[in-house]
PDB file of N, CA and C in Angstrom:
ATOM      1  N   MET A   1       5.924  15.417  16.319  1.00  0.00           N
ATOM      2  CA  MET A   1       7.085  16.687  16.336  1.00  0.00           C
ATOM      3  C   MET A   1       7.744  17.467  17.641  1.00  0.00           C
ATOM      4  N   ARG A   2       9.009  17.163  17.628  1.00  0.00           N
ATOM      5  CA  ARG A   2       9.513  17.798  18.633  1.00  0.00           C
ATOM      6  C   ARG A   2      10.278  19.292  18.607  1.00  0.00           C
ATOM      7  N   PRO A   3       9.935  19.769  20.057  1.00  0.00           N
ATOM      8  CA  PRO A   3      10.502  21.110  19.710  1.00  0.00           C
ATOM      9  C   PRO A   3      12.076  21.272  19.732  1.00  0.00           C
ATOM     10  N   GLY A   4      12.416  22.072  18.961  1.00  0.00           N
ATOM     11  CA  GLY A   4      13.925  22.477  19.143  1.00  0.00           C
ATOM     12  C   GLY A   4      14.415  22.671  20.284  1.00  0.00           C
ATOM     13  N   ARG A   5      15.991  23.040  20.059  1.00  0.00           N
ATOM     14  CA  ARG A   5      16.874  22.672  21.223  1.00  0.00           C
ATOM     15  C   ARG A   5      16.606  24.653  21.866  1.00  0.00           C
ATOM     16  N   THR A   6      16.448  25.257  20.569  1.00  0.00           N
ATOM     17  CA  THR A   6      16.400  26.590  21.423  1.00  0.00           C
ATOM     18  C   THR A   6      15.088  26.951  22.275  1.00  0.00           C
ATOM     19  N   VAL A   7      13.925  26.303  21.952  1.00  0.00           N
ATOM     20  CA  VAL A   7      12.470  26.366  22.473  1.00  0.00           C
ATOM     21  C   VAL A   7      12.661  25.357  23.836  1.00  0.00           C
ATOM     22  N   LEU A   8      13.505  24.560  23.986  1.00  0.00           N
ATOM     23  CA  LEU A   8      13.709  23.885  25.351  1.00  0.00           C
ATOM     24  C   LEU A   8      14.767  25.148  26.031  1.00  0.00           C
ATOM     25  N   LEU A   9      15.845  25.649  25.614  1.00  0.00           N
ATOM     26  CA  LEU A   9      16.638  26.091  26.525  1.00  0.00           C
ATOM     27  C   LEU A   9      15.773  27.237  26.653  1.00  0.00           C
ATOM     28  N   LEU A  10      14.837  27.785  25.829  1.00  0.00           N
ATOM     29  CA  LEU A  10      14.087  29.393  26.253  1.00  0.00           C
ATOM     30  C   LEU A  10      13.352  28.652  27.622  1.00  0.00           C
ATOM     31  N   TRP A  11      12.197  27.614  27.314  1.00  0.00           N
ATOM     32  CA  TRP A  11      11.249  27.176  28.570  1.00  0.00           C
ATOM     33  C   TRP A  11      12.420  26.975  29.898  1.00  0.00           C
ATOM     34  N   SER A  12      13.748  26.451  29.688  1.00  0.00           N
ATOM     35  CA  SER A  12      14.361  26.344  30.840  1.00  0.00           C
ATOM     36  C   SER A  12      14.656  27.264  31.241  1.00  0.00           C
ATOM     37  N   VAL A  13      14.789  28.142  30.497  1.00  0.00           N
ATOM     38  CA  VAL A  13      15.465  29.582  31.497  1.00  0.00           C
ATOM     39  C   VAL A  13      14.429  30.298  31.879  1.00  0.00           C
ATOM     40  N   VAL A  14      12.729  30.377  31.399  1.00  0.00           N
ATOM     41  CA  VAL A  14      11.644  30.794  31.981  1.00  0.00           C
ATOM     42  C   VAL A  14      11.574  30.151  33.127  1.00  0.00           C
ATOM     43  N   ILE A  15      11.543  28.579  32.953  1.00  0.00           N
ATOM     44  CA  ILE A  15      11.448  28.098  34.454  1.00  0.00           C
ATOM     45  C   ILE A  15      12.260  28.383  35.509  1.00  0.00           C
ATOM     46  N   ILE A  16      13.521  28.545  34.999  1.00  0.00           N
ATOM     47  CA  ILE A  16      14.688  29.217  36.308  1.00  0.00           C
ATOM     48  C   ILE A  16      14.270  30.210  36.691  1.00  0.00           C
ATOM     49  N   ALA A  17      14.010  30.994  36.046  1.00  0.00           N
ATOM     50  CA  ALA A  17      13.624  32.421  36.623  1.00  0.00           C
ATOM     51  C   ALA A  17      12.437  32.472  37.447  1.00  0.00           C
ATOM     52  N   LEU A  18      11.697  31.642  37.092  1.00  0.00           N
ATOM     53  CA  LEU A  18      10.138  31.820  37.870  1.00  0.00           C
ATOM     54  C   LEU A  18      10.562  30.996  39.154  1.00  0.00           C
ATOM     55  N   VAL A  19      11.524  29.942  39.145  1.00  0.00           N
ATOM     56  CA  VAL A  19      11.947  29.597  40.493  1.00  0.00           C
ATOM     57  C   VAL A  19      12.477  29.900  41.079  1.00  0.00           C
ATOM     58  N   ILE A  20      13.600  31.065  40.636  1.00  0.00           N
ATOM     59  CA  ILE A  20      14.458  32.160  41.709  1.00  0.00           C
ATOM     60  C   ILE A  20      13.242  33.104  42.231  1.00  0.00           C
ATOM     61  N   LEU A  21      12.504  33.607  41.473  1.00  0.00           N
ATOM     62  CA  LEU A  21      11.641  34.337  41.858  1.00  0.00           C
ATOM     63  C   LEU A  21      10.494  34.058  43.028  1.00  0.00           C
ATOM     64  N   GLU A  22      10.190  32.722  42.838  1.00  0.00           N
ATOM     65  CA  GLU A  22       9.398  32.097  43.904  1.00  0.00           C
ATOM     66  C   GLU A  22      10.451  32.293  45.188  1.00  0.00           C
ATOM     67  N   LEU A  23      11.533  31.579  45.065  1.00  0.00           N
ATOM     68  CA  LEU A  23      12.419  31.795  46.016  1.00  0.00           C
ATOM     69  C   LEU A  23      12.950  32.994  47.055  1.00  0.00           C
ATOM     70  N   ALA A  24      12.716  33.797  45.931  1.00  0.00           N
ATOM     71  CA  ALA A  24      12.840  35.460  46.546  1.00  0.00           C
ATOM     72  C   ALA A  24      12.244  35.728  47.363  1.00  0.00           C
ATOM     73  N   GLU A  25      10.460  35.356  46.870  1.00  0.00           N
ATOM     74  CA  GLU A  25       9.214  35.932  47.615  1.00  0.00           C
ATOM     75  C   GLU A  25       9.719  35.105  49.114  1.00  0.00           C
ATOM     76  N   VAL A  26       9.866  33.556  48.689  1.00  0.00           N
ATOM     77  CA  VAL A  26       9.434  33.006  50.167  1.00  0.00           C
ATOM     78  C   VAL A  26      10.460  33.126  51.317  1.00  0.00           C
ATOM     79  N   THR A  27      11.620  33.854  50.681  1.00  0.00           N
ATOM     80  CA  THR A  27      12.868  34.147  51.609  1.00  0.00           C
ATOM     81  C   THR A  27      12.596  35.668  51.970  1.00  0.00           C
ATOM     82  N   HIS A  28      11.753  36.493  51.538  1.00  0.00           N
ATOM     83  CA  HIS A  28      11.369  38.034  51.895  1.00  0.00           C
ATOM     84  C   HIS A  28      12.627  38.457  51.625  1.00  0.00           C
ATOM     85  N   LEU A  29      13.195  38.031  50.435  1.00  0.00           N
ATOM     86  CA  LEU A  29      14.318  38.940  49.549  1.00  0.00           C
ATOM     87  C   LEU A  29      13.433  39.898  49.263  1.00  0.00           C
ATOM     88  N   PHE A  30      12.459  40.029  48.462  1.00  0.00           N
ATOM     89  CA  PHE A  30      11.759  41.117  48.193  1.00  0.00           C
ATOM     90  C   PHE A  30      10.221  41.273  48.097  1.00  0.00           C
ATOM     91  N   THR A  31       9.263  41.980  48.803  1.00  0.00           N
ATOM     92  CA  THR A  31       8.071  41.195  48.971  1.00  0.00           C
ATOM     93  C   THR A  31       7.320  42.721  48.585  1.00  0.00           C
ATOM     94  N   PHE A  32       5.949  42.470  48.031  1.00  0.00           N
ATOM     95  CA  PHE A  32       5.448  43.929  47.939  1.00  0.00           C
ATOM     96  C   PHE A  32       4.420  43.698  49.040  1.00  0.00           C
ATOM     97  N   PRO A  33       4.108  44.871  49.498  1.00  0.00           N
ATOM     98  CA  PRO A  33       3.058  45.331  50.884  1.00  0.00           C
ATOM     99  C   PRO A  33       1.901  45.681  49.903  1.00  0.00           C
ATOM    100  N   ILE A  34       1.237  44.656  51.179  1.00  0.00           N
ATOM    101  CA  ILE A  34      -0.197  44.845  51.274  1.00  0.00           C
ATOM    102  C   ILE A  34      -0.971  46.381  51.049  1.00  0.00           C
ATOM    103  N   SER A  35      -0.028  47.347  51.522  1.00  0.00           N
ATOM    104  CA  SER A  35      -1.192  48.344  51.349  1.00  0.00           C
ATOM    105  C   SER A  35      -0.767  49.054  50.074  1.00  0.00           C
ATOM    106  N   VAL A  36      -0.220  48.530  49.237  1.00  0.00           N
ATOM    107  CA  VAL A  36       0.135  49.430  47.914  1.00  0.00           C
ATOM    108  C   VAL A  36      -1.096  48.577  47.210  1.00  0.00           C
ATOM    109  N   VAL A  37      -1.369  47.379  47.293  1.00  0.00           N
ATOM    110  CA  VAL A  37      -2.319  46.753  46.704  1.00  0.00           C
ATOM    111  C   VAL A  37      -3.908  47.232  46.978  1.00  0.00           C
ATOM    112  N   VAL A  38      -3.987  47.809  48.575  1.00  0.00           N
ATOM    113  CA  VAL A  38      -5.441  48.089  48.907  1.00  0.00           C
ATOM    114  C   VAL A  38      -5.468  49.816  48.996  1.00  0.00           C
ATOM    115  N   ALA A  39      -4.179  50.198  48.793  1.00  0.00           N
ATOM    116  CA  ALA A  39      -4.076  51.801  48.426  1.00  0.00           C
ATOM    117  C   ALA A  39      -4.581  52.225  46.560  1.00  0.00           C
ATOM    118  N   ASP A  40      -4.392  51.012  46.230  1.00  0.00           N
ATOM    119  CA  ASP A  40      -4.345  51.528  44.636  1.00  0.00           C
ATOM    120  C   ASP A  40      -5.478  50.333  44.084  1.00  0.00           C
ATOM    121  N   PRO A  41      -6.702  50.116  43.935  1.00  0.00           N
ATOM    122  CA  PRO A  41      -7.723  49.017  43.752  1.00  0.00           C
ATOM    123  C   PRO A  41      -7.524  48.895  42.310  1.00  0.00           C
ATOM    124  N   ILE A  42      -6.946  49.859  41.552  1.00  0.00           N
ATOM    125  CA  ILE A  42      -7.205  50.008  40.098  1.00  0.00           C
ATOM    126  C   ILE A  42      -5.639  49.023  39.577  1.00  0.00           C
ATOM    127  N   SER A  43      -4.821  48.794  40.123  1.00  0.00           N
ATOM    128  CA  SER A  43      -3.678  47.993  40.059  1.00  0.00           C
ATOM    129  C   SER A  43      -4.149  46.563  40.564  1.00  0.00           C
ATOM    130  N   LEU A  44      -4.957  46.514  41.077  1.00  0.00           N
ATOM    131  CA  LEU A  44      -5.184  45.154  41.703  1.00  0.00           C
ATOM    132  C   LEU A  44      -6.174  44.542  40.764  1.00  0.00           C
ATOM    133  N   VAL A  45      -7.199  45.134  39.891  1.00  0.00           N
ATOM    134  CA  VAL A  45      -7.945  44.798  39.067  1.00  0.00           C
ATOM    135  C   VAL A  45      -7.284  44.842  38.190  1.00  0.00           C
ATOM    136  N   VAL A  46      -6.267  45.633  37.406  1.00  0.00           N
ATOM    137  CA  VAL A  46      -5.561  45.556  35.844  1.00  0.00           C
ATOM    138  C   VAL A  46      -5.166  44.009  36.291  1.00  0.00           C
ATOM    139  N   SER A  47      -4.370  43.304  37.680  1.00  0.00           N
ATOM    140  CA  SER A  47      -3.564  42.752  37.463  1.00  0.00           C
ATOM    141  C   SER A  47      -4.316  41.434  37.949  1.00  0.00           C
ATOM    142  N   LEU A  48      -5.496  41.608  38.290  1.00  0.00           N
ATOM    143  CA  LEU A  48      -6.429  40.247  38.395  1.00  0.00           C
ATOM    144  C   LEU A  48      -7.031  39.842  36.587  1.00  0.00           C
ATOM    145  N   VAL A  49      -7.396  40.764  35.766  1.00  0.00           N
ATOM    146  CA  VAL A  49      -7.801  41.166  34.996  1.00  0.00           C
ATOM    147  C   VAL A  49      -6.659  40.348  33.676  1.00  0.00           C
ATOM    148  N   PHE A  50      -5.361  40.727  33.667  1.00  0.00           N
ATOM    149  CA  PHE A  50      -4.383  40.269  32.850  1.00  0.00           C
ATOM    150  C   PHE A  50      -3.874  38.457  33.164  1.00  0.00           C
ATOM    151  N   THR A  51      -4.028  39.143  34.713  1.00  0.00           N
ATOM    152  CA  THR A  51      -3.931  37.068  35.255  1.00  0.00           C
ATOM    153  C   THR A  51      -4.962  36.467  34.579  1.00  0.00           C
ATOM    154  N   THR A  52      -6.160  36.467  34.399  1.00  0.00           N
ATOM    155  CA  THR A  52      -7.156  35.709  34.140  1.00  0.00           C
ATOM    156  C   THR A  52      -7.335  35.690  32.303  1.00  0.00           C
ATOM    157  N   ILE A  53      -6.668  36.983  31.840  1.00  0.00           N
ATOM    158  CA  ILE A  53      -6.444  36.449  30.427  1.00  0.00           C
ATOM    159  C   ILE A  53      -5.340  35.457  29.637  1.00  0.00           C
ATOM    160  N   VAL A  54      -4.443  35.999  30.852  1.00  0.00           N
ATOM    161  CA  VAL A  54      -2.790  34.933  30.505  1.00  0.00           C
ATOM    162  C   VAL A  54      -3.330  33.230  30.334  1.00  0.00           C
ATOM    163  N   ALA A  55      -4.145  32.930  31.674  1.00  0.00           N
ATOM    164  CA  ALA A  55      -4.518  32.100  31.856  1.00  0.00           C
ATOM    165  C   ALA A  55      -5.835  30.905  30.708  1.00  0.00           C
ATOM    166  N   LEU A  56      -6.237  32.242  30.001  1.00  0.00           N
ATOM    167  CA  LEU A  56      -7.182  31.796  29.530  1.00  0.00           C
ATOM    168  C   LEU A  56      -6.197  31.421  28.106  1.00  0.00           C
ATOM    169  N   ILE A  57      -5.656  32.005  27.631  1.00  0.00           N
ATOM    170  CA  ILE A  57      -5.044  31.876  26.728  1.00  0.00           C
ATOM    171  C   ILE A  57      -3.953  30.584  26.834  1.00  0.00           C
ATOM    172  N   GLY A  58      -3.486  30.299  27.803  1.00  0.00           N
ATOM    173  CA  GLY A  58      -2.784  29.190  28.131  1.00  0.00           C
ATOM    174  C   GLY A  58      -3.578  27.969  28.212  1.00  0.00           C
ATOM    175  N   ALA A  59      -4.854  28.167  28.529  1.00  0.00           N
ATOM    176  CA  ALA A  59      -5.487  26.801  28.658  1.00  0.00           C
ATOM    177  C   ALA A  59      -6.217  26.784  26.962  1.00  0.00           C
ATOM    178  N   ILE A  60      -6.180  27.551  26.502  1.00  0.00           N
ATOM    179  CA  ILE A  60      -6.507  27.405  24.997  1.00  0.00           C
ATOM    180  C   ILE A  60      -5.573  26.235  24.229  1.00  0.00           C
ATOM    181  N   PHE A  61      -4.346  27.418  24.624  1.00  0.00           N
ATOM    182  CA  PHE A  61      -3.641  26.764  23.777  1.00  0.00           C
ATOM    183  C   PHE A  61      -3.471  24.997  24.126  1.00  0.00           C
ATOM    184  N   ILE A  62      -3.215  24.712  25.631  1.00  0.00           N
ATOM    185  CA  ILE A  62      -3.206  23.142  25.923  1.00  0.00           C
ATOM    186  C   ILE A  62      -4.453  22.593  25.231  1.00  0.00           C
ATOM    187  N   GLY A  63      -5.537  23.193  25.290  1.00  0.00           N
ATOM    188  CA  GLY A  63      -6.537  22.453  24.766  1.00  0.00           C
ATOM    189  C   GLY A  63      -6.398  21.792  23.321  1.00  0.00           C
ATOM    190  N   ILE A  64      -5.908  23.077  22.306  1.00  0.00           N
ATOM    191  CA  ILE A  64      -5.534  22.678  21.383  1.00  0.00           C
ATOM    192  C   ILE A  64      -4.608  21.679  21.040  1.00  0.00           C
ATOM    193  N   TYR A  65      -3.486  21.997  21.781  1.00  0.00           N
ATOM    194  CA  TYR A  65      -2.715  20.936  21.662  1.00  0.00           C
ATOM    195  C   TYR A  65      -3.129  19.292  21.772  1.00  0.00           C
ATOM    196  N   MET A  66      -3.860  19.406  23.137  1.00  0.00           N
ATOM    197  CA  MET A  66      -4.381  17.982  23.531  1.00  0.00           C
ATOM    198  C   MET A  66      -5.188  17.701  22.365  1.00  0.00           C
ATOM    199  N   SER A  67      -6.015  18.108  22.001  1.00  0.00           N
ATOM    200  CA  SER A  67      -7.018  17.948  20.921  1.00  0.00           C
ATOM    201  C   SER A  67      -6.518  17.499  19.678  1.00  0.00           C
ATOM    202  N   THR A  68      -5.577  17.886  19.290  1.00  0.00           N
ATOM    203  CA  THR A  68      -4.734  17.999  18.093  1.00  0.00           C
ATOM    204  C   THR A  68      -4.023  16.442  18.097  1.00  0.00           C
ATOM    205  N   ARG A  69      -3.492  16.315  19.461  1.00  0.00           N
ATOM    206  CA  ARG A  69      -2.921  14.900  19.579  1.00  0.00           C
ATOM    207  C   ARG A  69      -3.440  13.952  19.931  1.00  0.00           C
ATOM    208  N   LEU A  70      -4.703  13.726  20.382  1.00  0.00           N
ATOM    209  CA  LEU A  70      -6.042  12.737  20.473  1.00  0.00           C
ATOM    210  C   LEU A  70      -6.905  12.347  19.585  1.00  0.00           C
ATOM    211  N   LEU A  71      -6.938  13.831  18.754  1.00  0.00           N
ATOM    212  CA  LEU A  71      -7.927  13.616  17.245  1.00  0.00           C
ATOM    213  C   LEU A  71      -6.996  13.404  16.077  1.00  0.00           C
ATOM    214  N   GLY A  72      -5.831  13.648  16.242  1.00  0.00           N
ATOM    215  CA  GLY A  72      -5.246  13.506  14.970  1.00  0.00           C
ATOM    216  C   GLY A  72      -4.906  12.022  14.727  1.00  0.00           C
ATOM    217  N   PRO A  73      -4.828  11.767  12.910  1.00  0.00           N
ATOM    218  CA  PRO A  73      -4.201  10.813  12.605  1.00  0.00           C
ATOM    219  C   PRO A  73      -3.600  10.130  13.256  1.00  0.00           C
ATOM    220  N   ARG A  74      -3.970   8.579  13.219  1.00  0.00           N
ATOM    221  CA  ARG A  74      -3.241   7.598  14.208  1.00  0.00           C
ATOM    222  C   ARG A  74      -2.550   6.678  13.392  1.00  0.00           C
ATOM    223  N   THR A  75      -1.262   7.259  12.837  1.00  0.00           N
ATOM    224  CA  THR A  75      -0.640   6.616  11.408  1.00  0.00           C
ATOM    225  C   THR A  75       0.695   5.828  12.033  1.00  0.00           C
ATOM    226  N   PHE A  76       1.070   4.999  11.544  1.00  0.00           N
ATOM    227  CA  PHE A  76       2.742   4.479  11.700  1.00  0.00           C
ATOM    228  C   PHE A  76       3.770   5.444  11.447  1.00  0.00           C
ATOM    229  N   THR A  77       4.459   5.571  12.293  1.00  0.00           N
ATOM    230  CA  THR A  77       5.613   6.383  12.211  1.00  0.00           C
ATOM    231  C   THR A  77       6.564   5.462  11.032  1.00  0.00           C
ATOM    232  N   PRO A  78       7.296   6.064  10.341  1.00  0.00           N
ATOM    233  CA  PRO A  78       7.745   5.209   9.011  1.00  0.00           C
ATOM    234  C   PRO A  78       8.948   4.385   9.611  1.00  0.00           C
ATOM    235  N   PHE A  79       9.650   4.356  10.965  1.00  0.00           N
ATOM    236  CA  PHE A  79       9.987   3.470  11.535  1.00  0.00           C
ATOM    237  C   PHE A  79       9.587   2.120  11.759  1.00  0.00           C
ATOM    238  N   GLU A  80       8.223   2.393  12.470  1.00  0.00           N
ATOM    239  CA  GLU A  80       7.276   1.333  12.318  1.00  0.00           C
ATOM    240  C   GLU A  80       6.992   0.646  11.341  1.00  0.00           C
ATOM    241  N   GLU A  81       6.514   1.411  10.329  1.00  0.00           N
ATOM    242  CA  GLU A  81       6.187   0.953   8.826  1.00  0.00           C
ATOM    243  C   GLU A  81       7.188  -0.014   8.268  1.00  0.00           C
ATOM    244  N   GLU A  82       8.650   0.511   8.562  1.00  0.00           N
ATOM    245  CA  GLU A  82       9.284  -0.393   8.111  1.00  0.00           C
ATOM    246  C   GLU A  82       9.780  -1.649   8.848  1.00  0.00           C
ATOM    247  N   MET A  83       9.268  -1.552  10.023  1.00  0.00           N
ATOM    248  CA  MET A  83       9.414  -2.780  10.828  1.00  0.00           C
ATOM    249  C   MET A  83       8.434  -4.123  10.349  1.00  0.00           C
ATOM    250  N   LEU A  84       7.265  -3.260   9.960  1.00  0.00           N
ATOM    251  CA  LEU A  84       5.873  -4.496   9.698  1.00  0.00           C
ATOM    252  C   LEU A  84       6.463  -4.483   8.559  1.00  0.00           C
ATOM    253  N   ARG A  85       7.611  -3.986   7.186  1.00  0.00           N
ATOM    254  CA  ARG A  85       7.615  -4.401   6.168  1.00  0.00           C
ATOM    255  C   ARG A  85       8.622  -5.590   6.222  1.00  0.00           C
ATOM    256  N   MET A  86       9.563  -5.209   7.016  1.00  0.00           N
ATOM    257  CA  MET A  86      10.398  -6.300   7.363  1.00  0.00           C
ATOM    258  C   MET A  86       9.673  -7.684   7.982  1.00  0.00           C
ATOM    259  N   ARG A  87       8.957  -7.681   8.793  1.00  0.00           N
ATOM    260  CA  ARG A  87       7.840  -8.704   9.518  1.00  0.00           C
ATOM    261  C   ARG A  87       7.483  -9.410   8.457  1.00  0.00           C
ATOM    262  N   GLY A  88       6.891  -8.589   7.352  1.00  0.00           N
ATOM    263  CA  GLY A  88       6.352  -9.466   6.394  1.00  0.00           C
ATOM    264  C   GLY A  88       7.452 -10.298   5.368  1.00  0.00           C
ATOM    265  N   ASP A  89       8.531  -9.543   5.026  1.00  0.00           N
ATOM    266  CA  ASP A  89       9.440 -10.054   4.426  1.00  0.00           C
ATOM    267  C   ASP A  89       9.780 -11.372   5.349  1.00  0.00           C
ATOM    268  N   LEU A  90       9.850 -11.209   6.326  1.00  0.00           N
ATOM    269  CA  LEU A  90      10.541 -12.280   7.267  1.00  0.00           C
ATOM    270  C   LEU A  90       9.617 -13.715   7.153  1.00  0.00           C
ATOM    271  N   HIS A  91       8.279 -13.428   7.367  1.00  0.00           N
ATOM    272  CA  HIS A  91       7.179 -14.093   7.223  1.00  0.00           C
ATOM    273  C   HIS A  91       7.614 -14.763   5.579  1.00  0.00           C
ATOM    274  N   GLU A  92       7.513 -13.947   4.752  1.00  0.00           N
ATOM    275  CA  GLU A  92       7.523 -14.808   3.384  1.00  0.00           C
ATOM    276  C   GLU A  92       9.079 -15.722   3.174  1.00  0.00           C
ATOM    277  N   LEU A  93       9.934 -15.210   3.897  1.00  0.00           N
ATOM    278  CA  LEU A  93      11.726 -15.983   3.793  1.00  0.00           C
ATOM    279  C   LEU A  93      11.106 -17.336   4.816  1.00  0.00           C
ATOM    280  N   ARG A  94      10.393 -17.017   5.631  1.00  0.00           N
ATOM    281  CA  ARG A  94      10.525 -18.478   6.512  1.00  0.00           C
ATOM    282  C   ARG A  94       9.403 -19.462   5.680  1.00  0.00           C
ATOM    283  N   GLN A  95       8.317 -18.934   4.934  1.00  0.00           N
ATOM    284  CA  GLN A  95       7.641 -19.836   4.213  1.00  0.00           C
ATOM    285  C   GLN A  95       8.430 -20.549   3.290  1.00  0.00           C
ATOM    286  N   ALA A  96       9.199 -19.366   2.281  1.00  0.00           N
ATOM    287  CA  ALA A  96       9.832 -20.091   1.237  1.00  0.00           C
ATOM    288  C   ALA A  96      11.085 -21.136   1.832  1.00  0.00           C
ATOM    289  N   VAL A  97      11.544 -20.776   2.978  1.00  0.00           N
ATOM    290  CA  VAL A  97      12.696 -21.825   3.483  1.00  0.00           C
ATOM    291  C   VAL A  97      11.717 -23.150   4.013  1.00  0.00           C
ATOM    292  N   ASP A  98      10.719 -22.895   4.687  1.00  0.00           N
ATOM    293  CA  ASP A  98       9.626 -24.187   4.952  1.00  0.00           C
ATOM    294  C   ASP A  98       9.156 -25.225   3.528  1.00  0.00           C
ATOM    295  N   ASP A  99       9.502 -24.548   2.513  1.00  0.00           N
ATOM    296  CA  ASP A  99       8.761 -25.248   1.151  1.00  0.00           C
ATOM    297  C   ASP A  99      10.343 -25.714   0.589  1.00  0.00           C
ATOM    298  N   LEU A 100      11.253 -25.304   0.526  1.00  0.00           N
ATOM    299  CA  LEU A 100      12.037 -25.790   0.100  1.00  0.00           C
ATOM    300  C   LEU A 100      12.617 -26.883   1.231  1.00  0.00           C
ATOM    301  N   ARG A 101      12.555 -26.629   2.038  1.00  0.00           N
ATOM    302  CA  ARG A 101      12.470 -28.117   3.131  1.00  0.00           C
ATOM    303  C   ARG A 101      11.963 -29.174   2.640  1.00  0.00           C
ATOM    304  N   ALA A 102      10.559 -28.840   2.854  1.00  0.00           N
ATOM    305  CA  ALA A 102       9.649 -29.980   2.615  1.00  0.00           C
ATOM    306  C   ALA A 102       9.821 -30.639   1.155  1.00  0.00           C
ATOM    307  N   ARG A 103      10.786 -29.880   0.104  1.00  0.00           N
ATOM    308  CA  ARG A 103      10.813 -30.489  -1.034  1.00  0.00           C
ATOM    309  C   ARG A 103      12.321 -31.437  -0.948  1.00  0.00           C
ATOM    310  N   THR A 104      13.046 -30.996  -0.173  1.00  0.00           N
ATOM    311  CA  THR A 104      13.959 -31.813   0.155  1.00  0.00           C
ATOM    312  C   THR A 104      14.474 -33.023   1.107  1.00  0.00           C
ATOM    313  N   VAL A 105      13.954 -32.240   2.494  1.00  0.00           N
ATOM    314  CA  VAL A 105      13.993 -32.957   3.419  1.00  0.00           C
ATOM    315  C   VAL A 105      12.839 -33.902   3.297  1.00  0.00           C
ATOM    316  N   GLY A 106      11.667 -33.622   3.261  1.00  0.00           N
ATOM    317  CA  GLY A 106      10.418 -34.031   3.407  1.00  0.00           C
ATOM    318  C   GLY A 106       9.632 -33.013   4.401  1.00  0.00           C
ATOM    319  N   PRO A 107       8.252 -33.626   5.104  1.00  0.00           N
ATOM    320  CA  PRO A 107       7.361 -32.657   5.475  1.00  0.00           C
ATOM    321  C   PRO A 107       8.597 -32.666   7.422  1.00  0.00           C
ATOM    322  N   LYS A 108       7.975 -31.764   7.939  1.00  0.00           N
ATOM    323  CA  LYS A 108       8.423 -31.628   9.263  1.00  0.00           C
ATOM    324  C   LYS A 108       8.600 -32.141  10.293  1.00  0.00           C
ATOM    325  N   GLN A 109       9.571 -32.619  10.668  1.00  0.00           N
ATOM    326  CA  GLN A 109       9.996 -33.821  11.606  1.00  0.00           C
ATOM    327  C   GLN A 109       9.192 -32.996  13.272  1.00  0.00           C
ATOM    328  N   GLU A 110       9.021 -33.949  13.939  1.00  0.00           N
ATOM    329  CA  GLU A 110       8.288 -33.534  15.523  1.00  0.00           C
ATOM    330  C   GLU A 110       9.830 -33.351  16.326  1.00  0.00           C
ATOM    331  N   PRO A 111       9.757 -32.459  17.223  1.00  0.00           N
ATOM    332  CA  PRO A 111      11.062 -32.441  17.823  1.00  0.00           C
ATOM    333  C   PRO A 111      10.963 -33.927  18.795  1.00  0.00           C
ATOM    334  N   GLY A 112      12.502 -34.088  18.653  1.00  0.00           N
ATOM    335  CA  GLY A 112      12.538 -35.953  19.556  1.00  0.00           C
ATOM    336  C   GLY A 112      12.677 -36.920  18.794  1.00  0.00           C
ATOM    337  N   ARG A 113      11.846 -36.433  17.265  1.00  0.00           N
ATOM    338  CA  ARG A 113      11.941 -37.843  16.068  1.00  0.00           C
ATOM    339  C   ARG A 113      13.146 -37.641  15.140  1.00  0.00           C
ATOM    340  N   GLU A 114      13.726 -38.398  15.167  1.00  0.00           N
ATOM    341  CA  GLU A 114      14.612 -38.956  13.878  1.00  0.00           C
ATOM    342  C   GLU A 114      13.906 -38.908  12.638  1.00  0.00           C
ATOM    343  N   ALA A 115      14.767 -38.509  11.646  1.00  0.00           N
ATOM    344  CA  ALA A 115      14.212 -38.430  10.260  1.00  0.00           C
ATOM    345  C   ALA A 115      14.812 -39.725  10.011  1.00  0.00           C
ATOM    346  N   PRO A 116      13.802 -40.314   8.867  1.00  0.00           N
ATOM    347  CA  PRO A 116      14.331 -41.886   8.381  1.00  0.00           C
ATOM    348  C   PRO A 116      15.327 -41.714   7.474  1.00  0.00           C
ATOM    349  N   PRO A 117      16.243 -42.664   7.573  1.00  0.00           N
ATOM    350  CA  PRO A 117      17.621 -42.708   6.594  1.00  0.00           C
ATOM    351  C   PRO A 117      17.140 -42.440   5.370  1.00  0.00           C
ATOM    352  N   ARG A 118      18.142 -41.601   4.762  1.00  0.00           N
ATOM    353  CA  ARG A 118      17.996 -41.214   3.101  1.00  0.00           C
ATOM    354  C   ARG A 118      18.543 -42.402   2.230  1.00  0.00           C
ATOM    355  N   ARG A 119      17.980 -42.906   1.558  1.00  0.00           N
ATOM    356  CA  ARG A 119      18.834 -43.790   0.485  1.00  0.00           C
ATOM    357  C   ARG A 119      19.626 -43.163  -0.761  1.00  0.00           C
TER     358      ARG A 119
END
């Protein structure tokens, strides 16, 4: 199952926003002073707990996705099933042509040897 275009667009926007945020942090366009975190330890604890919860939820979703992909049924796609049917049909046609050739011309000739003249 492929994600839709809106989902891909949304993820692209999120990734671009995070990259812009990281570049702003690295270039010191805006930064949070360490004194704010030291002065209010409750905000530090709340932010650490929030980050931990979000990380666990993300890890659970990634684990669920990977386990369903790995343990899901291993069936052929409709395209692969059609290719296998066509392969079987081709094998049957080749067998039928070989049978017709054997009835009309005789057994298969080895490459390089000419067939005996017909009378």
